[in-house]
């Protein structure tokens, strides 16, 4: 993997293939195309809709901390869960989710390098 300013925030598709089903890991897909998850996703991943779950509907800003806590809880994510985010379109909205999770203090959150496109290109 290339050098990154914060390599602790990125995992490879190989890492996800090896560890995606670990009991303390939760895969979350967040796509620009909100129908993409329903068309297929990495086994065990949950899908978040950036339009309805990751933005405040009036100001189009961050969701509240309580809404984030509910979203995480409904996805089976606790403070000890390592969350791996990925999506289409160069991880645009996966990165939006990453930023919000970091903003609200979730320690173990990472982006899958290459997102959905790389995963599919590798035939995984």
PDB file of N, CA and C in Angstrom:
ATOM      1  N   UNK A   1       0.852  -1.170   0.000  1.00  0.00           N
ATOM      2  CA  UNK A   1       0.000   0.000   0.000  1.00  0.00           C
ATOM      3  C   UNK A   1       0.900   1.235   0.000  1.00  0.00           C
ATOM      4  N   UNK A   2       0.488   2.248  -0.700  1.00  0.00           N
ATOM      5  CA  UNK A   2       1.228   3.505  -0.769  1.00  0.00           C
ATOM      6  C   UNK A   2       1.321   4.137   0.613  1.00  0.00           C
ATOM      7  N   UNK A   3       2.232   5.071   0.735  1.00  0.00           N
ATOM      8  CA  UNK A   3       2.377   5.802   1.989  1.00  0.00           C
ATOM      9  C   UNK A   3       1.189   6.737   2.192  1.00  0.00           C
ATOM     10  N   UNK A   4       0.631   6.736   3.380  1.00  0.00           N
ATOM     11  CA  UNK A   4      -0.487   7.601   3.729  1.00  0.00           C
ATOM     12  C   UNK A   4      -0.116   8.417   4.957  1.00  0.00           C
ATOM     13  N   UNK A   5      -0.676   9.600   5.053  1.00  0.00           N
ATOM     14  CA  UNK A   5      -0.428  10.439   6.226  1.00  0.00           C
ATOM     15  C   UNK A   5      -0.903   9.744   7.498  1.00  0.00           C
ATOM     16  N   UNK A   6      -1.997   8.987   7.394  1.00  0.00           N
ATOM     17  CA  UNK A   6      -2.556   8.270   8.545  1.00  0.00           C
ATOM     18  C   UNK A   6      -2.895   6.835   8.137  1.00  0.00           C
ATOM     19  N   UNK A   7      -1.873   5.972   7.989  1.00  0.00           N
ATOM     20  CA  UNK A   7      -2.132   4.605   7.542  1.00  0.00           C
ATOM     21  C   UNK A   7      -3.026   3.812   8.494  1.00  0.00           C
ATOM     22  N   UNK A   8      -3.123   4.249   9.747  1.00  0.00           N
ATOM     23  CA  UNK A   8      -3.999   3.565  10.707  1.00  0.00           C
ATOM     24  C   UNK A   8      -5.473   3.741  10.361  1.00  0.00           C
ATOM     25  N   UNK A   9      -5.773   4.618   9.414  1.00  0.00           N
ATOM     26  CA  UNK A   9      -7.164   4.888   9.032  1.00  0.00           C
ATOM     27  C   UNK A   9      -7.594   4.151   7.772  1.00  0.00           C
ATOM     28  N   UNK A  10      -6.695   3.337   7.200  1.00  0.00           N
ATOM     29  CA  UNK A  10      -6.980   2.668   5.934  1.00  0.00           C
ATOM     30  C   UNK A  10      -6.657   1.185   6.067  1.00  0.00           C
ATOM     31  N   UNK A  11      -7.532   0.341   5.521  1.00  0.00           N
ATOM     32  CA  UNK A  11      -7.245  -1.088   5.421  1.00  0.00           C
ATOM     33  C   UNK A  11      -7.353  -1.494   3.960  1.00  0.00           C
ATOM     34  N   UNK A  12      -6.677  -2.557   3.606  1.00  0.00           N
ATOM     35  CA  UNK A  12      -6.699  -3.065   2.236  1.00  0.00           C
ATOM     36  C   UNK A  12      -7.889  -3.999   2.032  1.00  0.00           C
ATOM     37  N   UNK A  13      -8.195  -4.262   0.782  1.00  0.00           N
ATOM     38  CA  UNK A  13      -9.238  -5.243   0.480  1.00  0.00           C
ATOM     39  C   UNK A  13      -8.814  -6.627   0.972  1.00  0.00           C
ATOM     40  N   UNK A  14      -7.520  -6.905   0.943  1.00  0.00           N
ATOM     41  CA  UNK A  14      -7.019  -8.183   1.453  1.00  0.00           C
ATOM     42  C   UNK A  14      -7.314  -8.311   2.947  1.00  0.00           C
ATOM     43  N   UNK A  15      -7.086  -7.217   3.687  1.00  0.00           N
ATOM     44  CA  UNK A  15      -7.363  -7.221   5.121  1.00  0.00           C
ATOM     45  C   UNK A  15      -8.842  -7.497   5.360  1.00  0.00           C
ATOM     46  N   UNK A  16      -9.708  -6.856   4.584  1.00  0.00           N
ATOM     47  CA  UNK A  16     -11.155  -7.057   4.743  1.00  0.00           C
ATOM     48  C   UNK A  16     -11.527  -8.501   4.423  1.00  0.00           C
ATOM     49  N   UNK A  17     -10.942  -9.077   3.377  1.00  0.00           N
ATOM     50  CA  UNK A  17     -11.226 -10.472   3.031  1.00  0.00           C
ATOM     51  C   UNK A  17     -10.831 -11.409   4.172  1.00  0.00           C
ATOM     52  N   UNK A  18      -9.742 -11.098   4.864  1.00  0.00           N
ATOM     53  CA  UNK A  18      -9.261 -11.939   5.961  1.00  0.00           C
ATOM     54  C   UNK A  18      -9.983 -11.689   7.284  1.00  0.00           C
ATOM     55  N   UNK A  19     -10.389 -10.452   7.545  1.00  0.00           N
ATOM     56  CA  UNK A  19     -10.902 -10.086   8.870  1.00  0.00           C
ATOM     57  C   UNK A  19     -12.340  -9.570   8.891  1.00  0.00           C
ATOM     58  N   UNK A  20     -12.971  -9.449   7.737  1.00  0.00           N
ATOM     59  CA  UNK A  20     -14.311  -8.864   7.670  1.00  0.00           C
ATOM     60  C   UNK A  20     -15.360  -9.589   8.485  1.00  0.00           C
ATOM     61  N   UNK A  21     -15.159 -10.867   8.731  1.00  0.00           N
ATOM     62  CA  UNK A  21     -16.142 -11.622   9.516  1.00  0.00           C
ATOM     63  C   UNK A  21     -15.712 -11.812  10.972  1.00  0.00           C
ATOM     64  N   UNK A  22     -14.615 -11.174  11.385  1.00  0.00           N
ATOM     65  CA  UNK A  22     -14.199 -11.237  12.792  1.00  0.00           C
ATOM     66  C   UNK A  22     -15.308 -10.667  13.671  1.00  0.00           C
ATOM     67  N   UNK A  23     -15.460 -11.205  14.861  1.00  0.00           N
ATOM     68  CA  UNK A  23     -16.572 -10.809  15.733  1.00  0.00           C
ATOM     69  C   UNK A  23     -16.518  -9.346  16.176  1.00  0.00           C
ATOM     70  N   UNK A  24     -15.351  -8.741  16.185  1.00  0.00           N
ATOM     71  CA  UNK A  24     -15.232  -7.345  16.620  1.00  0.00           C
ATOM     72  C   UNK A  24     -15.147  -6.363  15.449  1.00  0.00           C
ATOM     73  N   UNK A  25     -15.433  -6.836  14.226  1.00  0.00           N
ATOM     74  CA  UNK A  25     -15.365  -6.005  13.020  1.00  0.00           C
ATOM     75  C   UNK A  25     -16.757  -5.886  12.422  1.00  0.00           C
ATOM     76  N   UNK A  26     -17.108  -4.681  12.005  1.00  0.00           N
ATOM     77  CA  UNK A  26     -18.399  -4.447  11.336  1.00  0.00           C
ATOM     78  C   UNK A  26     -18.134  -3.698  10.043  1.00  0.00           C
ATOM     79  N   UNK A  27     -18.549  -4.280   8.928  1.00  0.00           N
ATOM     80  CA  UNK A  27     -18.433  -3.643   7.617  1.00  0.00           C
ATOM     81  C   UNK A  27     -19.678  -2.815   7.359  1.00  0.00           C
ATOM     82  N   UNK A  28     -19.472  -1.591   6.858  1.00  0.00           N
ATOM     83  CA  UNK A  28     -20.584  -0.688   6.567  1.00  0.00           C
ATOM     84  C   UNK A  28     -20.373  -0.094   5.183  1.00  0.00           C
ATOM     85  N   UNK A  29     -21.357  -0.266   4.311  1.00  0.00           N
ATOM     86  CA  UNK A  29     -21.315   0.310   2.967  1.00  0.00           C
ATOM     87  C   UNK A  29     -22.148   1.582   2.930  1.00  0.00           C
ATOM     88  N   UNK A  30     -21.549   2.653   2.406  1.00  0.00           N
ATOM     89  CA  UNK A  30     -22.233   3.938   2.257  1.00  0.00           C
ATOM     90  C   UNK A  30     -21.958   4.423   0.837  1.00  0.00           C
ATOM     91  N   UNK A  31     -22.980   4.412  -0.014  1.00  0.00           N
ATOM     92  CA  UNK A  31     -22.814   4.732  -1.428  1.00  0.00           C
ATOM     93  C   UNK A  31     -23.457   6.053  -1.814  1.00  0.00           C
ATOM     94  N   UNK A  32     -22.915   6.684  -2.870  1.00  0.00           N
ATOM     95  CA  UNK A  32     -23.575   7.826  -3.496  1.00  0.00           C
ATOM     96  C   UNK A  32     -24.909   7.348  -4.066  1.00  0.00           C
ATOM     97  N   UNK A  33     -24.859   6.225  -4.797  1.00  0.00           N
ATOM     98  CA  UNK A  33     -26.058   5.589  -5.344  1.00  0.00           C
ATOM     99  C   UNK A  33     -26.677   4.758  -4.226  1.00  0.00           C
ATOM    100  N   UNK A  34     -27.719   5.280  -3.618  1.00  0.00           N
ATOM    101  CA  UNK A  34     -28.276   4.631  -2.428  1.00  0.00           C
ATOM    102  C   UNK A  34     -28.906   3.267  -2.715  1.00  0.00           C
ATOM    103  N   UNK A  35     -29.076   2.904  -3.992  1.00  0.00           N
ATOM    104  CA  UNK A  35     -29.615   1.591  -4.349  1.00  0.00           C
ATOM    105  C   UNK A  35     -28.510   0.553  -4.527  1.00  0.00           C
ATOM    106  N   UNK A  36     -27.255   0.962  -4.539  1.00  0.00           N
ATOM    107  CA  UNK A  36     -26.148   0.050  -4.825  1.00  0.00           C
ATOM    108  C   UNK A  36     -26.052  -1.089  -3.815  1.00  0.00           C
ATOM    109  N   UNK A  37     -26.246  -0.789  -2.542  1.00  0.00           N
ATOM    110  CA  UNK A  37     -26.155  -1.820  -1.508  1.00  0.00           C
ATOM    111  C   UNK A  37     -27.134  -2.954  -1.785  1.00  0.00           C
ATOM    112  N   UNK A  38     -28.356  -2.608  -2.182  1.00  0.00           N
ATOM    113  CA  UNK A  38     -29.377  -3.623  -2.446  1.00  0.00           C
ATOM    114  C   UNK A  38     -29.044  -4.481  -3.661  1.00  0.00           C
ATOM    115  N   UNK A  39     -28.195  -3.983  -4.543  1.00  0.00           N
ATOM    116  CA  UNK A  39     -27.798  -4.729  -5.736  1.00  0.00           C
ATOM    117  C   UNK A  39     -26.666  -5.708  -5.443  1.00  0.00           C
ATOM    118  N   UNK A  40     -26.064  -5.611  -4.285  1.00  0.00           N
ATOM    119  CA  UNK A  40     -24.987  -6.505  -3.891  1.00  0.00           C
ATOM    120  C   UNK A  40     -24.000  -5.785  -3.006  1.00  0.00           C
ATOM    121  N   UNK A  41     -23.433  -6.502  -2.044  1.00  0.00           N
ATOM    122  CA  UNK A  41     -22.500  -5.905  -1.091  1.00  0.00           C
ATOM    123  C   UNK A  41     -21.620  -6.999  -0.499  1.00  0.00           C
ATOM    124  N   UNK A  42     -20.600  -6.611   0.221  1.00  0.00           N
ATOM    125  CA  UNK A  42     -19.725  -7.574   0.878  1.00  0.00           C
ATOM    126  C   UNK A  42     -20.541  -8.323   1.929  1.00  0.00           C
ATOM    127  N   UNK A  43     -20.356  -9.628   1.971  1.00  0.00           N
ATOM    128  CA  UNK A  43     -21.100 -10.465   2.920  1.00  0.00           C
ATOM    129  C   UNK A  43     -20.947  -9.929   4.339  1.00  0.00           C
ATOM    130  N   UNK A  44     -22.067  -9.787   5.024  1.00  0.00           N
ATOM    131  CA  UNK A  44     -22.078  -9.331   6.403  1.00  0.00           C
ATOM    132  C   UNK A  44     -22.131  -7.827   6.583  1.00  0.00           C
ATOM    133  N   UNK A  45     -21.972  -7.074   5.501  1.00  0.00           N
ATOM    134  CA  UNK A  45     -21.987  -5.605   5.611  1.00  0.00           C
ATOM    135  C   UNK A  45     -23.409  -5.099   5.808  1.00  0.00           C
ATOM    136  N   UNK A  46     -23.523  -4.019   6.554  1.00  0.00           N
ATOM    137  CA  UNK A  46     -24.786  -3.293   6.639  1.00  0.00           C
ATOM    138  C   UNK A  46     -24.678  -2.097   5.708  1.00  0.00           C
ATOM    139  N   UNK A  47     -25.815  -1.610   5.257  1.00  0.00           N
ATOM    140  CA  UNK A  47     -25.820  -0.452   4.377  1.00  0.00           C
ATOM    141  C   UNK A  47     -26.418   0.754   5.067  1.00  0.00           C
ATOM    142  N   UNK A  48     -25.745   1.889   4.955  1.00  0.00           N
ATOM    143  CA  UNK A  48     -26.276   3.147   5.471  1.00  0.00           C
ATOM    144  C   UNK A  48     -26.602   4.050   4.302  1.00  0.00           C
ATOM    145  N   UNK A  49     -27.746   4.707   4.381  1.00  0.00           N
ATOM    146  CA  UNK A  49     -28.173   5.650   3.356  1.00  0.00           C
ATOM    147  C   UNK A  49     -27.733   7.045   3.780  1.00  0.00           C
ATOM    148  N   UNK A  50     -26.820   7.631   3.034  1.00  0.00           N
ATOM    149  CA  UNK A  50     -26.284   8.941   3.419  1.00  0.00           C
ATOM    150  C   UNK A  50     -27.362  10.009   3.424  1.00  0.00           C
ATOM    151  N   UNK A  51     -28.371   9.870   2.552  1.00  0.00           N
ATOM    152  CA  UNK A  51     -29.416  10.893   2.459  1.00  0.00           C
ATOM    153  C   UNK A  51     -30.339  10.888   3.667  1.00  0.00           C
ATOM    154  N   UNK A  52     -30.720   9.705   4.118  1.00  0.00           N
ATOM    155  CA  UNK A  52     -31.700   9.632   5.206  1.00  0.00           C
ATOM    156  C   UNK A  52     -31.085   9.335   6.572  1.00  0.00           C
ATOM    157  N   UNK A  53     -29.852   8.819   6.622  1.00  0.00           N
ATOM    158  CA  UNK A  53     -29.274   8.435   7.900  1.00  0.00           C
ATOM    159  C   UNK A  53     -28.049   9.241   8.315  1.00  0.00           C
ATOM    160  N   UNK A  54     -27.392   9.901   7.386  1.00  0.00           N
ATOM    161  CA  UNK A  54     -26.133  10.574   7.711  1.00  0.00           C
ATOM    162  C   UNK A  54     -26.138  12.076   7.470  1.00  0.00           C
ATOM    163  N   UNK A  55     -27.300  12.658   7.310  1.00  0.00           N
ATOM    164  CA  UNK A  55     -27.384  14.115   7.237  1.00  0.00           C
ATOM    165  C   UNK A  55     -28.648  14.578   7.933  1.00  0.00           C
ATOM    166  N   UNK A  56     -28.545  15.699   8.582  1.00  0.00           N
ATOM    167  CA  UNK A  56     -29.700  16.310   9.225  1.00  0.00           C
ATOM    168  C   UNK A  56     -30.572  16.867   8.107  1.00  0.00           C
ATOM    169  N   UNK A  57     -31.853  16.536   8.126  1.00  0.00           N
ATOM    170  CA  UNK A  57     -32.721  16.792   6.975  1.00  0.00           C
ATOM    171  C   UNK A  57     -33.036  18.251   6.693  1.00  0.00           C
ATOM    172  N   UNK A  58     -32.965  19.127   7.667  1.00  0.00           N
ATOM    173  CA  UNK A  58     -33.286  20.535   7.427  1.00  0.00           C
ATOM    174  C   UNK A  58     -32.045  21.311   6.989  1.00  0.00           C
ATOM    175  N   UNK A  59     -30.971  21.207   7.758  1.00  0.00           N
ATOM    176  CA  UNK A  59     -29.767  21.981   7.452  1.00  0.00           C
ATOM    177  C   UNK A  59     -28.780  21.242   6.556  1.00  0.00           C
ATOM    178  N   UNK A  60     -29.028  19.951   6.309  1.00  0.00           N
ATOM    179  CA  UNK A  60     -28.125  19.096   5.532  1.00  0.00           C
ATOM    180  C   UNK A  60     -26.729  19.087   6.140  1.00  0.00           C
ATOM    181  N   UNK A  61     -26.689  19.019   7.440  1.00  0.00           N
ATOM    182  CA  UNK A  61     -25.450  19.057   8.202  1.00  0.00           C
ATOM    183  C   UNK A  61     -25.257  17.703   8.887  1.00  0.00           C
ATOM    184  N   UNK A  62     -24.331  17.642   9.829  1.00  0.00           N
ATOM    185  CA  UNK A  62     -24.106  16.429  10.610  1.00  0.00           C
ATOM    186  C   UNK A  62     -25.373  15.998  11.328  1.00  0.00           C
ATOM    187  N   UNK A  63     -25.525  14.694  11.474  1.00  0.00           N
ATOM    188  CA  UNK A  63     -26.592  14.214  12.340  1.00  0.00           C
ATOM    189  C   UNK A  63     -26.177  14.487  13.786  1.00  0.00           C
ATOM    190  N   UNK A  64     -27.142  14.447  14.679  1.00  0.00           N
ATOM    191  CA  UNK A  64     -26.839  14.694  16.092  1.00  0.00           C
ATOM    192  C   UNK A  64     -26.081  13.506  16.686  1.00  0.00           C
ATOM    193  N   UNK A  65     -25.453  13.743  17.808  1.00  0.00           N
ATOM    194  CA  UNK A  65     -24.745  12.668  18.497  1.00  0.00           C
ATOM    195  C   UNK A  65     -25.708  11.546  18.862  1.00  0.00           C
ATOM    196  N   UNK A  66     -26.905  11.876  19.322  1.00  0.00           N
ATOM    197  CA  UNK A  66     -27.872  10.831  19.686  1.00  0.00           C
ATOM    198  C   UNK A  66     -28.317  10.044  18.454  1.00  0.00           C
ATOM    199  N   UNK A  67     -28.468  10.711  17.307  1.00  0.00           N
ATOM    200  CA  UNK A  67     -28.810   9.989  16.078  1.00  0.00           C
ATOM    201  C   UNK A  67     -27.665   9.071  15.651  1.00  0.00           C
ATOM    202  N   UNK A  68     -26.424   9.528  15.811  1.00  0.00           N
ATOM    203  CA  UNK A  68     -25.272   8.682  15.491  1.00  0.00           C
ATOM    204  C   UNK A  68     -25.236   7.481  16.424  1.00  0.00           C
ATOM    205  N   UNK A  69     -25.478   7.695  17.699  1.00  0.00           N
ATOM    206  CA  UNK A  69     -25.491   6.585  18.651  1.00  0.00           C
ATOM    207  C   UNK A  69     -26.565   5.567  18.289  1.00  0.00           C
ATOM    208  N   UNK A  70     -27.732   6.026  17.867  1.00  0.00           N
ATOM    209  CA  UNK A  70     -28.810   5.121  17.449  1.00  0.00           C
ATOM    210  C   UNK A  70     -28.416   4.351  16.194  1.00  0.00           C
ATOM    211  N   UNK A  71     -27.827   5.046  15.226  1.00  0.00           N
ATOM    212  CA  UNK A  71     -27.395   4.405  13.988  1.00  0.00           C
ATOM    213  C   UNK A  71     -26.371   3.318  14.276  1.00  0.00           C
ATOM    214  N   UNK A  72     -25.404   3.626  15.118  1.00  0.00           N
ATOM    215  CA  UNK A  72     -24.385   2.642  15.484  1.00  0.00           C
ATOM    216  C   UNK A  72     -25.005   1.463  16.225  1.00  0.00           C
ATOM    217  N   UNK A  73     -25.849   1.748  17.194  1.00  0.00           N
ATOM    218  CA  UNK A  73     -26.489   0.679  17.962  1.00  0.00           C
ATOM    219  C   UNK A  73     -27.334  -0.232  17.091  1.00  0.00           C
ATOM    220  N   UNK A  74     -28.097   0.343  16.170  1.00  0.00           N
ATOM    221  CA  UNK A  74     -28.933  -0.453  15.268  1.00  0.00           C
ATOM    222  C   UNK A  74     -28.103  -1.322  14.331  1.00  0.00           C
ATOM    223  N   UNK A  75     -26.854  -0.917  14.083  1.00  0.00           N
ATOM    224  CA  UNK A  75     -25.956  -1.692  13.229  1.00  0.00           C
ATOM    225  C   UNK A  75     -25.123  -2.688  14.035  1.00  0.00           C
ATOM    226  N   UNK A  76     -25.362  -2.768  15.336  1.00  0.00           N
ATOM    227  CA  UNK A  76     -24.609  -3.690  16.175  1.00  0.00           C
ATOM    228  C   UNK A  76     -23.195  -3.222  16.467  1.00  0.00           C
ATOM    229  N   UNK A  77     -22.985  -1.918  16.432  1.00  0.00           N
ATOM    230  CA  UNK A  77     -21.660  -1.345  16.646  1.00  0.00           C
ATOM    231  C   UNK A  77     -21.574  -0.777  18.059  1.00  0.00           C
ATOM    232  N   UNK A  78     -20.562  -1.240  18.798  1.00  0.00           N
ATOM    233  CA  UNK A  78     -20.308  -0.723  20.146  1.00  0.00           C
ATOM    234  C   UNK A  78     -19.004   0.071  20.127  1.00  0.00           C
ATOM    235  N   UNK A  79     -18.615   0.595  21.285  1.00  0.00           N
ATOM    236  CA  UNK A  79     -17.357   1.342  21.381  1.00  0.00           C
ATOM    237  C   UNK A  79     -16.144   0.482  21.059  1.00  0.00           C
ATOM    238  N   UNK A  80     -16.272  -0.838  21.220  1.00  0.00           N
ATOM    239  CA  UNK A  80     -15.156  -1.752  20.990  1.00  0.00           C
ATOM    240  C   UNK A  80     -15.120  -2.324  19.577  1.00  0.00           C
ATOM    241  N   UNK A  81     -16.076  -1.969  18.747  1.00  0.00           N
ATOM    242  CA  UNK A  81     -16.158  -2.500  17.387  1.00  0.00           C
ATOM    243  C   UNK A  81     -15.239  -1.722  16.455  1.00  0.00           C
ATOM    244  N   UNK A  82     -14.487  -2.456  15.640  1.00  0.00           N
ATOM    245  CA  UNK A  82     -13.727  -1.833  14.555  1.00  0.00           C
ATOM    246  C   UNK A  82     -14.661  -1.728  13.364  1.00  0.00           C
ATOM    247  N   UNK A  83     -14.899  -0.510  12.906  1.00  0.00           N
ATOM    248  CA  UNK A  83     -15.817  -0.264  11.798  1.00  0.00           C
ATOM    249  C   UNK A  83     -15.002  -0.023  10.534  1.00  0.00           C
ATOM    250  N   UNK A  84     -15.312  -0.796   9.492  1.00  0.00           N
ATOM    251  CA  UNK A  84     -14.678  -0.628   8.189  1.00  0.00           C
ATOM    252  C   UNK A  84     -15.731  -0.079   7.240  1.00  0.00           C
ATOM    253  N   UNK A  85     -15.496   1.128   6.758  1.00  0.00           N
ATOM    254  CA  UNK A  85     -16.416   1.802   5.849  1.00  0.00           C
ATOM    255  C   UNK A  85     -15.905   1.697   4.420  1.00  0.00           C
ATOM    256  N   UNK A  86     -16.822   1.523   3.492  1.00  0.00           N
ATOM    257  CA  UNK A  86     -16.468   1.509   2.073  1.00  0.00           C
ATOM    258  C   UNK A  86     -17.695   1.924   1.285  1.00  0.00           C
ATOM    259  N   UNK A  87     -17.497   2.234   0.020  1.00  0.00           N
ATOM    260  CA  UNK A  87     -18.625   2.600  -0.828  1.00  0.00           C
ATOM    261  C   UNK A  87     -18.201   2.795  -2.263  1.00  0.00           C
ATOM    262  N   UNK A  88     -19.129   3.309  -3.047  1.00  0.00           N
ATOM    263  CA  UNK A  88     -18.847   3.584  -4.454  1.00  0.00           C
ATOM    264  C   UNK A  88     -18.233   4.976  -4.594  1.00  0.00           C
ATOM    265  N   UNK A  89     -17.959   5.366  -5.811  1.00  0.00           N
ATOM    266  CA  UNK A  89     -17.530   6.727  -6.139  1.00  0.00           C
ATOM    267  C   UNK A  89     -16.372   7.208  -5.258  1.00  0.00           C
ATOM    268  N   UNK A  90     -15.307   6.392  -5.220  1.00  0.00           N
ATOM    269  CA  UNK A  90     -14.093   6.741  -4.463  1.00  0.00           C
ATOM    270  C   UNK A  90     -14.340   6.943  -2.967  1.00  0.00           C
ATOM    271  N   UNK A  91     -15.280   6.208  -2.432  1.00  0.00           N
ATOM    272  CA  UNK A  91     -15.572   6.248  -0.988  1.00  0.00           C
ATOM    273  C   UNK A  91     -16.097   7.603  -0.510  1.00  0.00           C
ATOM    274  N   UNK A  92     -16.727   8.382  -1.389  1.00  0.00           N
ATOM    275  CA  UNK A  92     -17.197   9.717  -1.009  1.00  0.00           C
ATOM    276  C   UNK A  92     -17.977   9.724   0.294  1.00  0.00           C
ATOM    277  N   UNK A  93     -19.089   8.985   0.317  1.00  0.00           N
ATOM    278  CA  UNK A  93     -19.945   9.044   1.498  1.00  0.00           C
ATOM    279  C   UNK A  93     -19.487   8.095   2.596  1.00  0.00           C
ATOM    280  N   UNK A  94     -18.659   7.123   2.259  1.00  0.00           N
ATOM    281  CA  UNK A  94     -17.993   6.351   3.306  1.00  0.00           C
ATOM    282  C   UNK A  94     -17.071   7.286   4.092  1.00  0.00           C
ATOM    283  N   UNK A  95     -16.397   8.190   3.386  1.00  0.00           N
ATOM    284  CA  UNK A  95     -15.532   9.172   4.053  1.00  0.00           C
ATOM    285  C   UNK A  95     -16.356  10.153   4.890  1.00  0.00           C
ATOM    286  N   UNK A  96     -17.549  10.509   4.416  1.00  0.00           N
ATOM    287  CA  UNK A  96     -18.463  11.375   5.182  1.00  0.00           C
ATOM    288  C   UNK A  96     -18.849  10.685   6.492  1.00  0.00           C
ATOM    289  N   UNK A  97     -19.161   9.390   6.417  1.00  0.00           N
ATOM    290  CA  UNK A  97     -19.495   8.625   7.623  1.00  0.00           C
ATOM    291  C   UNK A  97     -18.275   8.518   8.541  1.00  0.00           C
ATOM    292  N   UNK A  98     -17.100   8.274   7.957  1.00  0.00           N
ATOM    293  CA  UNK A  98     -15.853   8.195   8.725  1.00  0.00           C
ATOM    294  C   UNK A  98     -15.650   9.478   9.525  1.00  0.00           C
ATOM    295  N   UNK A  99     -15.783  10.600   8.847  1.00  0.00           N
ATOM    296  CA  UNK A  99     -15.560  11.895   9.486  1.00  0.00           C
ATOM    297  C   UNK A  99     -16.534  12.109  10.644  1.00  0.00           C
ATOM    298  N   UNK A 100     -17.809  11.777  10.435  1.00  0.00           N
ATOM    299  CA  UNK A 100     -18.793  11.955  11.509  1.00  0.00           C
ATOM    300  C   UNK A 100     -18.492  11.035  12.690  1.00  0.00           C
ATOM    301  N   UNK A 101     -18.116   9.789  12.399  1.00  0.00           N
ATOM    302  CA  UNK A 101     -17.807   8.870  13.488  1.00  0.00           C
ATOM    303  C   UNK A 101     -16.602   9.360  14.290  1.00  0.00           C
ATOM    304  N   UNK A 102     -15.590   9.864  13.614  1.00  0.00           N
ATOM    305  CA  UNK A 102     -14.425  10.423  14.304  1.00  0.00           C
ATOM    306  C   UNK A 102     -14.818  11.668  15.103  1.00  0.00           C
ATOM    307  N   UNK A 103     -15.647  12.515  14.524  1.00  0.00           N
ATOM    308  CA  UNK A 103     -16.110  13.736  15.181  1.00  0.00           C
ATOM    309  C   UNK A 103     -16.789  13.413  16.515  1.00  0.00           C
ATOM    310  N   UNK A 104     -17.578  12.327  16.513  1.00  0.00           N
ATOM    311  CA  UNK A 104     -18.292  11.946  17.729  1.00  0.00           C
ATOM    312  C   UNK A 104     -17.508  10.973  18.609  1.00  0.00           C
ATOM    313  N   UNK A 105     -16.256  10.683  18.252  1.00  0.00           N
ATOM    314  CA  UNK A 105     -15.367   9.979  19.162  1.00  0.00           C
ATOM    315  C   UNK A 105     -15.222   8.486  19.000  1.00  0.00           C
ATOM    316  N   UNK A 106     -15.719   7.895  17.905  1.00  0.00           N
ATOM    317  CA  UNK A 106     -15.511   6.453  17.735  1.00  0.00           C
ATOM    318  C   UNK A 106     -14.048   6.225  17.363  1.00  0.00           C
ATOM    319  N   UNK A 107     -13.352   5.441  18.149  1.00  0.00           N
ATOM    320  CA  UNK A 107     -11.911   5.285  17.984  1.00  0.00           C
ATOM    321  C   UNK A 107     -11.482   4.404  16.833  1.00  0.00           C
ATOM    322  N   UNK A 108     -12.148   3.296  16.639  1.00  0.00           N
ATOM    323  CA  UNK A 108     -11.710   2.316  15.650  1.00  0.00           C
ATOM    324  C   UNK A 108     -12.599   2.358  14.414  1.00  0.00           C
ATOM    325  N   UNK A 109     -12.300   3.276  13.534  1.00  0.00           N
ATOM    326  CA  UNK A 109     -13.030   3.389  12.270  1.00  0.00           C
ATOM    327  C   UNK A 109     -12.007   3.582  11.162  1.00  0.00           C
ATOM    328  N   UNK A 110     -12.185   2.849  10.062  1.00  0.00           N
ATOM    329  CA  UNK A 110     -11.219   2.852   8.962  1.00  0.00           C
ATOM    330  C   UNK A 110     -11.964   2.823   7.630  1.00  0.00           C
ATOM    331  N   UNK A 111     -11.274   3.238   6.583  1.00  0.00           N
ATOM    332  CA  UNK A 111     -11.805   3.157   5.226  1.00  0.00           C
ATOM    333  C   UNK A 111     -11.121   2.012   4.493  1.00  0.00           C
ATOM    334  N   UNK A 112     -11.882   1.271   3.689  1.00  0.00           N
ATOM    335  CA  UNK A 112     -11.299   0.231   2.850  1.00  0.00           C
ATOM    336  C   UNK A 112     -10.733   0.897   1.602  1.00  0.00           C
ATOM    337  N   UNK A 113      -9.432   0.788   1.421  1.00  0.00           N
ATOM    338  CA  UNK A 113      -8.754   1.395   0.284  1.00  0.00           C
ATOM    339  C   UNK A 113      -9.345   0.884  -1.038  1.00  0.00           C
ATOM    340  N   UNK A 114      -9.740   1.805  -1.891  1.00  0.00           N
ATOM    341  CA  UNK A 114     -10.280   1.444  -3.197  1.00  0.00           C
ATOM    342  C   UNK A 114     -11.773   1.249  -3.223  1.00  0.00           C
ATOM    343  N   UNK A 115     -12.391   1.109  -2.065  1.00  0.00           N
ATOM    344  CA  UNK A 115     -13.840   0.992  -1.976  1.00  0.00           C
ATOM    345  C   UNK A 115     -14.428  -0.180  -2.740  1.00  0.00           C
ATOM    346  N   UNK A 116     -15.690  -0.031  -3.044  1.00  0.00           N
ATOM    347  CA  UNK A 116     -16.457  -1.072  -3.731  1.00  0.00           C
ATOM    348  C   UNK A 116     -15.841  -1.425  -5.086  1.00  0.00           C
ATOM    349  N   UNK A 117     -15.372  -0.423  -5.833  1.00  0.00           N
ATOM    350  CA  UNK A 117     -14.827  -0.661  -7.173  1.00  0.00           C
ATOM    351  C   UNK A 117     -13.619  -1.596  -7.120  1.00  0.00           C
ATOM    352  N   UNK A 118     -12.719  -1.381  -6.178  1.00  0.00           N
ATOM    353  CA  UNK A 118     -11.532  -2.240  -6.065  1.00  0.00           C
ATOM    354  C   UNK A 118     -11.930  -3.647  -5.636  1.00  0.00           C
ATOM    355  N   UNK A 119     -12.837  -3.742  -4.686  1.00  0.00           N
ATOM    356  CA  UNK A 119     -13.310  -5.048  -4.222  1.00  0.00           C
ATOM    357  C   UNK A 119     -13.879  -5.854  -5.393  1.00  0.00           C
ATOM    358  N   UNK A 120     -14.725  -5.212  -6.191  1.00  0.00           N
ATOM    359  CA  UNK A 120     -15.344  -5.892  -7.336  1.00  0.00           C
ATOM    360  C   UNK A 120     -14.327  -6.190  -8.431  1.00  0.00           C
ATOM    361  N   UNK A 121     -13.396  -5.272  -8.695  1.00  0.00           N
ATOM    362  CA  UNK A 121     -12.377  -5.481  -9.725  1.00  0.00           C
ATOM    363  C   UNK A 121     -11.496  -6.684  -9.400  1.00  0.00           C
ATOM    364  N   UNK A 122     -11.326  -6.962  -8.125  1.00  0.00           N
ATOM    365  CA  UNK A 122     -10.528  -8.108  -7.695  1.00  0.00           C
ATOM    366  C   UNK A 122     -11.336  -9.405  -7.684  1.00  0.00           C
ATOM    367  N   UNK A 123     -12.617  -9.312  -8.036  1.00  0.00           N
ATOM    368  CA  UNK A 123     -13.463 -10.504  -8.093  1.00  0.00           C
ATOM    369  C   UNK A 123     -13.778 -11.097  -6.742  1.00  0.00           C
ATOM    370  N   UNK A 124     -13.822 -10.273  -5.745  1.00  0.00           N
ATOM    371  CA  UNK A 124     -14.083 -10.773  -4.387  1.00  0.00           C
ATOM    372  C   UNK A 124     -15.565 -10.926  -4.135  1.00  0.00           C
TER     373      UNK A 124
END
